ModelCIF file with pLDDT and N, C-alpha, C, O atoms, coordinates in Angstrom:
data_MODEL
#
_entry.id   MODEL 
#
_entity.id                         1 
_entity.type                       polymer 
_entity.pdbx_number_of_molecules   1 
#
_entity_poly.entity_id                      1 
_entity_poly.type                           'polypeptide(L)' 
_entity_poly.nstd_linkage                   no 
_entity_poly.nstd_monomer                   no 
_entity_poly.pdbx_seq_one_letter_code       RWPQLQELAMANDSLVADPFFWPNANLGDDIAGGDTLHFYVKGDD 
_entity_poly.pdbx_seq_one_letter_code_can   RWPQLQELAMANDSLVADPFFWPNANLGDDIAGGDTLHFYVKGDD 
_entity_poly.pdbx_strand_id                 A 
#
loop_
_entity_poly_seq.entity_id 
_entity_poly_seq.num 
_entity_poly_seq.mon_id 
_entity_poly_seq.hetero 
1 1  ARG n 
1 2  TRP n 
1 3  PRO n 
1 4  GLN n 
1 5  LEU n 
1 6  GLN n 
1 7  GLU n 
1 8  LEU n 
1 9  ALA n 
1 10 MET n 
1 11 ALA n 
1 12 ASN n 
1 13 ASP n 
1 14 SER n 
1 15 LEU n 
1 16 VAL n 
1 17 ALA n 
1 18 ASP n 
1 19 PRO n 
1 20 PHE n 
1 21 PHE n 
1 22 TRP n 
1 23 PRO n 
1 24 ASN n 
1 25 ALA n 
1 26 ASN n 
1 27 LEU n 
1 28 GLY n 
1 29 ASP n 
1 30 ASP n 
1 31 ILE n 
1 32 ALA n 
1 33 GLY n 
1 34 GLY n 
1 35 ASP n 
1 36 THR n 
1 37 LEU n 
1 38 HIS n 
1 39 PHE n 
1 40 TYR n 
1 41 VAL n 
1 42 LYS n 
1 43 GLY n 
1 44 ASP n 
1 45 ASP n 
#
_struct_asym.id          A 
_struct_asym.entity_id   1 
#
loop_
_ma_qa_metric.id 
_ma_qa_metric.mode 
_ma_qa_metric.name 
_ma_qa_metric.software_group_id 
_ma_qa_metric.type 
1 global pLDDT . pLDDT 
2 local  pLDDT . pLDDT 
#
_ma_qa_metric_global.metric_id      1 
_ma_qa_metric_global.metric_value   93.00 
_ma_qa_metric_global.model_id       1 
_ma_qa_metric_global.ordinal_id     1 
#
loop_
_ma_qa_metric_local.label_asym_id 
_ma_qa_metric_local.label_comp_id 
_ma_qa_metric_local.label_seq_id 
_ma_qa_metric_local.metric_id 
_ma_qa_metric_local.metric_value 
_ma_qa_metric_local.model_id 
_ma_qa_metric_local.ordinal_id 
A ARG 1  2 94.00 1 1  
A TRP 2  2 93.00 1 2  
A PRO 3  2 91.00 1 3  
A GLN 4  2 90.00 1 4  
A LEU 5  2 90.00 1 5  
A GLN 6  2 85.00 1 6  
A GLU 7  2 84.00 1 7  
A LEU 8  2 86.00 1 8  
A ALA 9  2 81.00 1 9  
A MET 10 2 81.00 1 10 
A ALA 11 2 83.00 1 11 
A ASN 12 2 86.00 1 12 
A ASP 13 2 87.00 1 13 
A SER 14 2 84.00 1 14 
A LEU 15 2 89.00 1 15 
A VAL 16 2 94.00 1 16 
A ALA 17 2 95.00 1 17 
A ASP 18 2 95.00 1 18 
A PRO 19 2 95.00 1 19 
A PHE 20 2 94.00 1 20 
A PHE 21 2 93.00 1 21 
A TRP 22 2 95.00 1 22 
A PRO 23 2 93.00 1 23 
A ASN 24 2 94.00 1 24 
A ALA 25 2 96.00 1 25 
A ASN 26 2 97.00 1 26 
A LEU 27 2 97.00 1 27 
A GLY 28 2 97.00 1 28 
A ASP 29 2 97.00 1 29 
A ASP 30 2 97.00 1 30 
A ILE 31 2 96.00 1 31 
A ALA 32 2 96.00 1 32 
A GLY 33 2 97.00 1 33 
A GLY 34 2 96.00 1 34 
A ASP 35 2 97.00 1 35 
A THR 36 2 98.00 1 36 
A LEU 37 2 98.00 1 37 
A HIS 38 2 98.00 1 38 
A PHE 39 2 98.00 1 39 
A TYR 40 2 98.00 1 40 
A VAL 41 2 98.00 1 41 
A LYS 42 2 98.00 1 42 
A GLY 43 2 96.00 1 43 
A ASP 44 2 93.00 1 44 
A ASP 45 2 95.00 1 45 
#
loop_
_atom_site.group_PDB 
_atom_site.id 
_atom_site.type_symbol 
_atom_site.label_atom_id 
_atom_site.label_alt_id 
_atom_site.label_comp_id 
_atom_site.label_asym_id 
_atom_site.label_entity_id 
_atom_site.label_seq_id 
_atom_site.pdbx_PDB_ins_code 
_atom_site.Cartn_x 
_atom_site.Cartn_y 
_atom_site.Cartn_z 
_atom_site.occupancy 
_atom_site.B_iso_or_equiv 
_atom_site.pdbx_formal_charge 
_atom_site.auth_seq_id 
_atom_site.auth_comp_id 
_atom_site.auth_asym_id 
_atom_site.auth_atom_id 
_atom_site.pdbx_PDB_model_num 
ATOM 1   N N  . ARG A 1 1  ? 0.807   -1.213 0.000  1.00 94.00 ? 1  ARG A N  1 
ATOM 2   C CA . ARG A 1 1  ? 0.000   0.000  0.000  1.00 94.00 ? 1  ARG A CA 1 
ATOM 3   C C  . ARG A 1 1  ? 0.848   1.276  0.000  1.00 94.00 ? 1  ARG A C  1 
ATOM 4   O O  . ARG A 1 1  ? 0.333   2.362  0.265  1.00 94.00 ? 1  ARG A O  1 
ATOM 5   N N  . TRP A 1 2  ? 2.137   1.147  -0.294 1.00 93.00 ? 2  TRP A N  1 
ATOM 6   C CA . TRP A 1 2  ? 2.975   2.342  -0.321 1.00 93.00 ? 2  TRP A CA 1 
ATOM 7   C C  . TRP A 1 2  ? 2.533   3.364  -1.370 1.00 93.00 ? 2  TRP A C  1 
ATOM 8   O O  . TRP A 1 2  ? 2.555   4.558  -1.072 1.00 93.00 ? 2  TRP A O  1 
ATOM 9   N N  . PRO A 1 3  ? 2.134   2.964  -2.583 1.00 91.00 ? 3  PRO A N  1 
ATOM 10  C CA . PRO A 1 3  ? 1.705   3.986  -3.550 1.00 91.00 ? 3  PRO A CA 1 
ATOM 11  C C  . PRO A 1 3  ? 0.566   4.856  -3.022 1.00 91.00 ? 3  PRO A C  1 
ATOM 12  O O  . PRO A 1 3  ? 0.582   6.076  -3.191 1.00 91.00 ? 3  PRO A O  1 
ATOM 13  N N  . GLN A 1 4  ? -0.422  4.228  -2.383 1.00 90.00 ? 4  GLN A N  1 
ATOM 14  C CA . GLN A 1 4  ? -1.538  5.004  -1.840 1.00 90.00 ? 4  GLN A CA 1 
ATOM 15  C C  . GLN A 1 4  ? -1.084  5.911  -0.701 1.00 90.00 ? 4  GLN A C  1 
ATOM 16  O O  . GLN A 1 4  ? -1.564  7.037  -0.564 1.00 90.00 ? 4  GLN A O  1 
ATOM 17  N N  . LEU A 1 5  ? -0.151  5.412  0.120  1.00 90.00 ? 5  LEU A N  1 
ATOM 18  C CA . LEU A 1 5  ? 0.344   6.239  1.218  1.00 90.00 ? 5  LEU A CA 1 
ATOM 19  C C  . LEU A 1 5  ? 1.117   7.438  0.687  1.00 90.00 ? 5  LEU A C  1 
ATOM 20  O O  . LEU A 1 5  ? 1.042   8.529  1.253  1.00 90.00 ? 5  LEU A O  1 
ATOM 21  N N  . GLN A 1 6  ? 1.859   7.239  -0.400 1.00 85.00 ? 6  GLN A N  1 
ATOM 22  C CA . GLN A 1 6  ? 2.581   8.358  -1.003 1.00 85.00 ? 6  GLN A CA 1 
ATOM 23  C C  . GLN A 1 6  ? 1.601   9.412  -1.513 1.00 85.00 ? 6  GLN A C  1 
ATOM 24  O O  . GLN A 1 6  ? 1.876   10.608 -1.425 1.00 85.00 ? 6  GLN A O  1 
ATOM 25  N N  . GLU A 1 7  ? 0.475   8.980  -2.040 1.00 84.00 ? 7  GLU A N  1 
ATOM 26  C CA . GLU A 1 7  ? -0.531  9.944  -2.474 1.00 84.00 ? 7  GLU A CA 1 
ATOM 27  C C  . GLU A 1 7  ? -1.047  10.755 -1.289 1.00 84.00 ? 7  GLU A C  1 
ATOM 28  O O  . GLU A 1 7  ? -1.242  11.966 -1.392 1.00 84.00 ? 7  GLU A O  1 
ATOM 29  N N  . LEU A 1 8  ? -1.267  10.071 -0.159 1.00 86.00 ? 8  LEU A N  1 
ATOM 30  C CA . LEU A 1 8  ? -1.715  10.772 1.039  1.00 86.00 ? 8  LEU A CA 1 
ATOM 31  C C  . LEU A 1 8  ? -0.673  11.790 1.478  1.00 86.00 ? 8  LEU A C  1 
ATOM 32  O O  . LEU A 1 8  ? -1.016  12.898 1.892  1.00 86.00 ? 8  LEU A O  1 
ATOM 33  N N  . ALA A 1 9  ? 0.608   11.411 1.387  1.00 81.00 ? 9  ALA A N  1 
ATOM 34  C CA . ALA A 1 9  ? 1.679   12.310 1.820  1.00 81.00 ? 9  ALA A CA 1 
ATOM 35  C C  . ALA A 1 9  ? 1.692   13.601 1.024  1.00 81.00 ? 9  ALA A C  1 
ATOM 36  O O  . ALA A 1 9  ? 2.188   14.621 1.501  1.00 81.00 ? 9  ALA A O  1 
ATOM 37  N N  . MET A 1 10 ? 1.143   13.565 -0.200 1.00 81.00 ? 10 MET A N  1 
ATOM 38  C CA . MET A 1 10 ? 1.108   14.765 -1.040 1.00 81.00 ? 10 MET A CA 1 
ATOM 39  C C  . MET A 1 10 ? -0.243  15.463 -0.994 1.00 81.00 ? 10 MET A C  1 
ATOM 40  O O  . MET A 1 10 ? -0.459  16.442 -1.709 1.00 81.00 ? 10 MET A O  1 
ATOM 41  N N  . ALA A 1 11 ? -1.153  14.972 -0.164 1.00 83.00 ? 11 ALA A N  1 
ATOM 42  C CA . ALA A 1 11 ? -2.505  15.537 -0.117 1.00 83.00 ? 11 ALA A CA 1 
ATOM 43  C C  . ALA A 1 11 ? -2.516  16.898 0.563  1.00 83.00 ? 11 ALA A C  1 
ATOM 44  O O  . ALA A 1 11 ? -1.619  17.233 1.337  1.00 83.00 ? 11 ALA A O  1 
ATOM 45  N N  . ASN A 1 12 ? -3.539  17.664 0.262  1.00 86.00 ? 12 ASN A N  1 
ATOM 46  C CA . ASN A 1 12 ? -3.725  18.966 0.890  1.00 86.00 ? 12 ASN A CA 1 
ATOM 47  C C  . ASN A 1 12 ? -4.138  18.787 2.347  1.00 86.00 ? 12 ASN A C  1 
ATOM 48  O O  . ASN A 1 12 ? -4.941  17.910 2.667  1.00 86.00 ? 12 ASN A O  1 
ATOM 49  N N  . ASP A 1 13 ? -3.585  19.623 3.232  1.00 87.00 ? 13 ASP A N  1 
ATOM 50  C CA . ASP A 1 13 ? -3.896  19.507 4.658  1.00 87.00 ? 13 ASP A CA 1 
ATOM 51  C C  . ASP A 1 13 ? -5.378  19.684 4.951  1.00 87.00 ? 13 ASP A C  1 
ATOM 52  O O  . ASP A 1 13 ? -5.870  19.195 5.968  1.00 87.00 ? 13 ASP A O  1 
ATOM 53  N N  . SER A 1 14 ? -6.093  20.372 4.076  1.00 84.00 ? 14 SER A N  1 
ATOM 54  C CA . SER A 1 14 ? -7.526  20.580 4.324  1.00 84.00 ? 14 SER A CA 1 
ATOM 55  C C  . SER A 1 14 ? -8.331  19.293 4.184  1.00 84.00 ? 14 SER A C  1 
ATOM 56  O O  . SER A 1 14 ? -9.497  19.248 4.577  1.00 84.00 ? 14 SER A O  1 
ATOM 57  N N  . LEU A 1 15 ? -7.717  18.239 3.622  1.00 89.00 ? 15 LEU A N  1 
ATOM 58  C CA . LEU A 1 15 ? -8.417  16.980 3.425  1.00 89.00 ? 15 LEU A CA 1 
ATOM 59  C C  . LEU A 1 15 ? -8.094  15.923 4.473  1.00 89.00 ? 15 LEU A C  1 
ATOM 60  O O  . LEU A 1 15 ? -8.964  15.128 4.829  1.00 89.00 ? 15 LEU A O  1 
ATOM 61  N N  . VAL A 1 16 ? -6.855  15.897 4.975  1.00 94.00 ? 16 VAL A N  1 
ATOM 62  C CA . VAL A 1 16 ? -6.396  14.726 5.724  1.00 94.00 ? 16 VAL A CA 1 
ATOM 63  C C  . VAL A 1 16 ? -7.057  14.562 7.088  1.00 94.00 ? 16 VAL A C  1 
ATOM 64  O O  . VAL A 1 16 ? -7.014  13.464 7.642  1.00 94.00 ? 16 VAL A O  1 
ATOM 65  N N  . ALA A 1 17 ? -7.657  15.587 7.648  1.00 95.00 ? 17 ALA A N  1 
ATOM 66  C CA . ALA A 1 17 ? -8.317  15.432 8.948  1.00 95.00 ? 17 ALA A CA 1 
ATOM 67  C C  . ALA A 1 17 ? -9.556  14.549 8.861  1.00 95.00 ? 17 ALA A C  1 
ATOM 68  O O  . ALA A 1 17 ? -9.991  13.990 9.868  1.00 95.00 ? 17 ALA A O  1 
ATOM 69  N N  . ASP A 1 18 ? -10.126 14.420 7.666  1.00 95.00 ? 18 ASP A N  1 
ATOM 70  C CA . ASP A 1 18 ? -11.317 13.595 7.477  1.00 95.00 ? 18 ASP A CA 1 
ATOM 71  C C  . ASP A 1 18 ? -10.885 12.176 7.122  1.00 95.00 ? 18 ASP A C  1 
ATOM 72  O O  . ASP A 1 18 ? -10.216 11.984 6.107  1.00 95.00 ? 18 ASP A O  1 
ATOM 73  N N  . PRO A 1 19 ? -11.247 11.170 7.931  1.00 95.00 ? 19 PRO A N  1 
ATOM 74  C CA . PRO A 1 19 ? -10.852 9.789  7.623  1.00 95.00 ? 19 PRO A CA 1 
ATOM 75  C C  . PRO A 1 19 ? -11.290 9.328  6.233  1.00 95.00 ? 19 PRO A C  1 
ATOM 76  O O  . PRO A 1 19 ? -10.678 8.430  5.654  1.00 95.00 ? 19 PRO A O  1 
ATOM 77  N N  . PHE A 1 20 ? -12.353 9.944  5.698  1.00 94.00 ? 20 PHE A N  1 
ATOM 78  C CA . PHE A 1 20 ? -12.877 9.533  4.400  1.00 94.00 ? 20 PHE A CA 1 
ATOM 79  C C  . PHE A 1 20 ? -11.820 9.621  3.301  1.00 94.00 ? 20 PHE A C  1 
ATOM 80  O O  . PHE A 1 20 ? -11.826 8.815  2.370  1.00 94.00 ? 20 PHE A O  1 
ATOM 81  N N  . PHE A 1 21 ? -10.921 10.584 3.402  1.00 93.00 ? 21 PHE A N  1 
ATOM 82  C CA . PHE A 1 21 ? -9.946  10.808 2.337  1.00 93.00 ? 21 PHE A CA 1 
ATOM 83  C C  . PHE A 1 21 ? -8.676  9.984  2.502  1.00 93.00 ? 21 PHE A C  1 
ATOM 84  O O  . PHE A 1 21 ? -7.750  10.111 1.700  1.00 93.00 ? 21 PHE A O  1 
ATOM 85  N N  . TRP A 1 22 ? -8.618  9.151  3.517  1.00 95.00 ? 22 TRP A N  1 
ATOM 86  C CA . TRP A 1 22 ? -7.430  8.317  3.695  1.00 95.00 ? 22 TRP A CA 1 
ATOM 87  C C  . TRP A 1 22 ? -7.547  7.056  2.839  1.00 95.00 ? 22 TRP A C  1 
ATOM 88  O O  . TRP A 1 22 ? -8.633  6.490  2.719  1.00 95.00 ? 22 TRP A O  1 
ATOM 89  N N  . PRO A 1 23 ? -6.439  6.612  2.243  1.00 93.00 ? 23 PRO A N  1 
ATOM 90  C CA . PRO A 1 23 ? -6.476  5.411  1.403  1.00 93.00 ? 23 PRO A CA 1 
ATOM 91  C C  . PRO A 1 23 ? -6.685  4.155  2.242  1.00 93.00 ? 23 PRO A C  1 
ATOM 92  O O  . PRO A 1 23 ? -6.359  4.137  3.429  1.00 93.00 ? 23 PRO A O  1 
ATOM 93  N N  . ASN A 1 24 ? -7.219  3.124  1.636  1.00 94.00 ? 24 ASN A N  1 
ATOM 94  C CA . ASN A 1 24 ? -7.514  1.882  2.340  1.00 94.00 ? 24 ASN A CA 1 
ATOM 95  C C  . ASN A 1 24 ? -6.261  1.291  2.990  1.00 94.00 ? 24 ASN A C  1 
ATOM 96  O O  . ASN A 1 24 ? -5.172  1.311  2.416  1.00 94.00 ? 24 ASN A O  1 
ATOM 97  N N  . ALA A 1 25 ? -6.446  0.773  4.190  1.00 96.00 ? 25 ALA A N  1 
ATOM 98  C CA . ALA A 1 25 ? -5.405  0.008  4.891  1.00 96.00 ? 25 ALA A CA 1 
ATOM 99  C C  . ALA A 1 25 ? -6.132  -1.000 5.770  1.00 96.00 ? 25 ALA A C  1 
ATOM 100 O O  . ALA A 1 25 ? -6.514  -0.706 6.903  1.00 96.00 ? 25 ALA A O  1 
ATOM 101 N N  . ASN A 1 26 ? -6.311  -2.201 5.215  1.00 97.00 ? 26 ASN A N  1 
ATOM 102 C CA . ASN A 1 26 ? -7.085  -3.247 5.889  1.00 97.00 ? 26 ASN A CA 1 
ATOM 103 C C  . ASN A 1 26 ? -6.237  -4.484 6.113  1.00 97.00 ? 26 ASN A C  1 
ATOM 104 O O  . ASN A 1 26 ? -5.080  -4.545 5.696  1.00 97.00 ? 26 ASN A O  1 
ATOM 105 N N  . LEU A 1 27 ? -6.828  -5.473 6.778  1.00 97.00 ? 27 LEU A N  1 
ATOM 106 C CA . LEU A 1 27 ? -6.134  -6.722 7.035  1.00 97.00 ? 27 LEU A CA 1 
ATOM 107 C C  . LEU A 1 27 ? -5.623  -7.315 5.716  1.00 97.00 ? 27 LEU A C  1 
ATOM 108 O O  . LEU A 1 27 ? -6.383  -7.454 4.757  1.00 97.00 ? 27 LEU A O  1 
ATOM 109 N N  . GLY A 1 28 ? -4.351  -7.657 5.675  1.00 97.00 ? 28 GLY A N  1 
ATOM 110 C CA . GLY A 1 28 ? -3.727  -8.177 4.471  1.00 97.00 ? 28 GLY A CA 1 
ATOM 111 C C  . GLY A 1 28 ? -2.917  -7.157 3.716  1.00 97.00 ? 28 GLY A C  1 
ATOM 112 O O  . GLY A 1 28 ? -2.101  -7.519 2.868  1.00 97.00 ? 28 GLY A O  1 
ATOM 113 N N  . ASP A 1 29 ? -3.127  -5.869 4.010  1.00 97.00 ? 29 ASP A N  1 
ATOM 114 C CA . ASP A 1 29 ? -2.320  -4.827 3.374  1.00 97.00 ? 29 ASP A CA 1 
ATOM 115 C C  . ASP A 1 29 ? -0.977  -4.707 4.074  1.00 97.00 ? 29 ASP A C  1 
ATOM 116 O O  . ASP A 1 29 ? -0.855  -5.009 5.261  1.00 97.00 ? 29 ASP A O  1 
ATOM 117 N N  . ASP A 1 30 ? 0.021   -4.268 3.336  1.00 97.00 ? 30 ASP A N  1 
ATOM 118 C CA . ASP A 1 30 ? 1.381   -4.184 3.875  1.00 97.00 ? 30 ASP A CA 1 
ATOM 119 C C  . ASP A 1 30 ? 1.940   -2.783 3.682  1.00 97.00 ? 30 ASP A C  1 
ATOM 120 O O  . ASP A 1 30 ? 1.948   -2.244 2.575  1.00 97.00 ? 30 ASP A O  1 
ATOM 121 N N  . ILE A 1 31 ? 2.406   -2.208 4.781  1.00 96.00 ? 31 ILE A N  1 
ATOM 122 C CA . ILE A 1 31 ? 3.137   -0.942 4.742  1.00 96.00 ? 31 ILE A CA 1 
ATOM 123 C C  . ILE A 1 31 ? 4.337   -1.104 5.672  1.00 96.00 ? 31 ILE A C  1 
ATOM 124 O O  . ILE A 1 31 ? 4.184   -1.128 6.894  1.00 96.00 ? 31 ILE A O  1 
ATOM 125 N N  . ALA A 1 32 ? 5.506   -1.212 5.101  1.00 96.00 ? 32 ALA A N  1 
ATOM 126 C CA . ALA A 1 32 ? 6.740   -1.394 5.868  1.00 96.00 ? 32 ALA A CA 1 
ATOM 127 C C  . ALA A 1 32 ? 6.658   -2.601 6.793  1.00 96.00 ? 32 ALA A C  1 
ATOM 128 O O  . ALA A 1 32 ? 7.243   -2.604 7.876  1.00 96.00 ? 32 ALA A O  1 
ATOM 129 N N  . GLY A 1 33 ? 5.930   -3.625 6.361  1.00 97.00 ? 33 GLY A N  1 
ATOM 130 C CA . GLY A 1 33 ? 5.756   -4.808 7.202  1.00 97.00 ? 33 GLY A CA 1 
ATOM 131 C C  . GLY A 1 33 ? 6.996   -5.659 7.339  1.00 97.00 ? 33 GLY A C  1 
ATOM 132 O O  . GLY A 1 33 ? 7.088   -6.474 8.258  1.00 97.00 ? 33 GLY A O  1 
ATOM 133 N N  . GLY A 1 34 ? 7.960   -5.487 6.435  1.00 96.00 ? 34 GLY A N  1 
ATOM 134 C CA . GLY A 1 34 ? 9.189   -6.267 6.502  1.00 96.00 ? 34 GLY A CA 1 
ATOM 135 C C  . GLY A 1 34 ? 10.343  -5.552 7.166  1.00 96.00 ? 34 GLY A C  1 
ATOM 136 O O  . GLY A 1 34 ? 11.451  -6.086 7.218  1.00 96.00 ? 34 GLY A O  1 
ATOM 137 N N  . ASP A 1 35 ? 10.104  -4.344 7.678  1.00 97.00 ? 35 ASP A N  1 
ATOM 138 C CA . ASP A 1 35 ? 11.170  -3.630 8.390  1.00 97.00 ? 35 ASP A CA 1 
ATOM 139 C C  . ASP A 1 35 ? 11.580  -4.409 9.630  1.00 97.00 ? 35 ASP A C  1 
ATOM 140 O O  . ASP A 1 35 ? 10.738  -5.011 10.296 1.00 97.00 ? 35 ASP A O  1 
ATOM 141 N N  . THR A 1 36 ? 12.854  -4.397 9.936  1.00 98.00 ? 36 THR A N  1 
ATOM 142 C CA . THR A 1 36 ? 13.368  -5.188 11.049 1.00 98.00 ? 36 THR A CA 1 
ATOM 143 C C  . THR A 1 36 ? 13.944  -4.312 12.149 1.00 98.00 ? 36 THR A C  1 
ATOM 144 O O  . THR A 1 36 ? 14.266  -3.144 11.932 1.00 98.00 ? 36 THR A O  1 
ATOM 145 N N  . LEU A 1 37 ? 14.064  -4.890 13.314 1.00 98.00 ? 37 LEU A N  1 
ATOM 146 C CA . LEU A 1 37 ? 14.743  -4.240 14.428 1.00 98.00 ? 37 LEU A CA 1 
ATOM 147 C C  . LEU A 1 37 ? 16.131  -3.791 13.976 1.00 98.00 ? 37 LEU A C  1 
ATOM 148 O O  . LEU A 1 37 ? 16.806  -4.516 13.246 1.00 98.00 ? 37 LEU A O  1 
ATOM 149 N N  . HIS A 1 38 ? 16.561  -2.605 14.401 1.00 98.00 ? 38 HIS A N  1 
ATOM 150 C CA . HIS A 1 38 ? 17.919  -2.131 14.140 1.00 98.00 ? 38 HIS A CA 1 
ATOM 151 C C  . HIS A 1 38 ? 18.702  -2.113 15.443 1.00 98.00 ? 38 HIS A C  1 
ATOM 152 O O  . HIS A 1 38 ? 18.152  -1.852 16.513 1.00 98.00 ? 38 HIS A O  1 
ATOM 153 N N  . PHE A 1 39 ? 19.987  -2.394 15.336 1.00 98.00 ? 39 PHE A N  1 
ATOM 154 C CA . PHE A 1 39 ? 20.862  -2.434 16.504 1.00 98.00 ? 39 PHE A CA 1 
ATOM 155 C C  . PHE A 1 39 ? 22.172  -1.749 16.114 1.00 98.00 ? 39 PHE A C  1 
ATOM 156 O O  . PHE A 1 39 ? 23.084  -2.370 15.569 1.00 98.00 ? 39 PHE A O  1 
ATOM 157 N N  . TYR A 1 40 ? 22.234  -0.451 16.409 1.00 98.00 ? 40 TYR A N  1 
ATOM 158 C CA . TYR A 1 40 ? 23.386  0.358  16.008 1.00 98.00 ? 40 TYR A CA 1 
ATOM 159 C C  . TYR A 1 40 ? 24.514  0.257  17.031 1.00 98.00 ? 40 TYR A C  1 
ATOM 160 O O  . TYR A 1 40 ? 24.295  0.393  18.235 1.00 98.00 ? 40 TYR A O  1 
ATOM 161 N N  . VAL A 1 41 ? 25.721  0.017  16.529 1.00 98.00 ? 41 VAL A N  1 
ATOM 162 C CA . VAL A 1 41 ? 26.931  -0.061 17.343 1.00 98.00 ? 41 VAL A CA 1 
ATOM 163 C C  . VAL A 1 41 ? 27.938  0.946  16.802 1.00 98.00 ? 41 VAL A C  1 
ATOM 164 O O  . VAL A 1 41 ? 28.091  1.082  15.588 1.00 98.00 ? 41 VAL A O  1 
ATOM 165 N N  . LYS A 1 42 ? 28.614  1.641  17.684 1.00 98.00 ? 42 LYS A N  1 
ATOM 166 C CA . LYS A 1 42 ? 29.586  2.664  17.285 1.00 98.00 ? 42 LYS A CA 1 
ATOM 167 C C  . LYS A 1 42 ? 30.912  2.021  16.887 1.00 98.00 ? 42 LYS A C  1 
ATOM 168 O O  . LYS A 1 42 ? 31.492  1.239  17.640 1.00 98.00 ? 42 LYS A O  1 
ATOM 169 N N  . GLY A 1 43 ? 31.376  2.368  15.689 1.00 96.00 ? 43 GLY A N  1 
ATOM 170 C CA . GLY A 1 43 ? 32.648  1.855  15.205 1.00 96.00 ? 43 GLY A CA 1 
ATOM 171 C C  . GLY A 1 43 ? 33.823  2.715  15.640 1.00 96.00 ? 43 GLY A C  1 
ATOM 172 O O  . GLY A 1 43 ? 33.645  3.758  16.269 1.00 96.00 ? 43 GLY A O  1 
ATOM 173 N N  . ASP A 1 44 ? 35.025  2.266  15.300 1.00 93.00 ? 44 ASP A N  1 
ATOM 174 C CA . ASP A 1 44 ? 36.237  2.990  15.692 1.00 93.00 ? 44 ASP A CA 1 
ATOM 175 C C  . ASP A 1 44 ? 36.311  4.374  15.057 1.00 93.00 ? 44 ASP A C  1 
ATOM 176 O O  . ASP A 1 44 ? 36.960  5.269  15.599 1.00 93.00 ? 44 ASP A O  1 
ATOM 177 N N  . ASP A 1 45 ? 35.647  4.560  13.905 1.00 95.00 ? 45 ASP A N  1 
ATOM 178 C CA . ASP A 1 45 ? 35.676  5.855  13.229 1.00 95.00 ? 45 ASP A CA 1 
ATOM 179 C C  . ASP A 1 45 ? 34.594  6.803  13.723 1.00 95.00 ? 45 ASP A C  1 
ATOM 180 O O  . ASP A 1 45 ? 34.497  7.933  13.243 1.00 95.00 ? 45 ASP A O  1 
#
């Protein structure tokens, strides 16, 4: 569902407060579902 979310990101602020104008996001849809835990360690540099 990233394409639809990108459209929302470019939407006019006068629209986004109304849930009606938000793109579908239902069971089975994926948005960054494969992102993993990050574990940052400081290197010598």
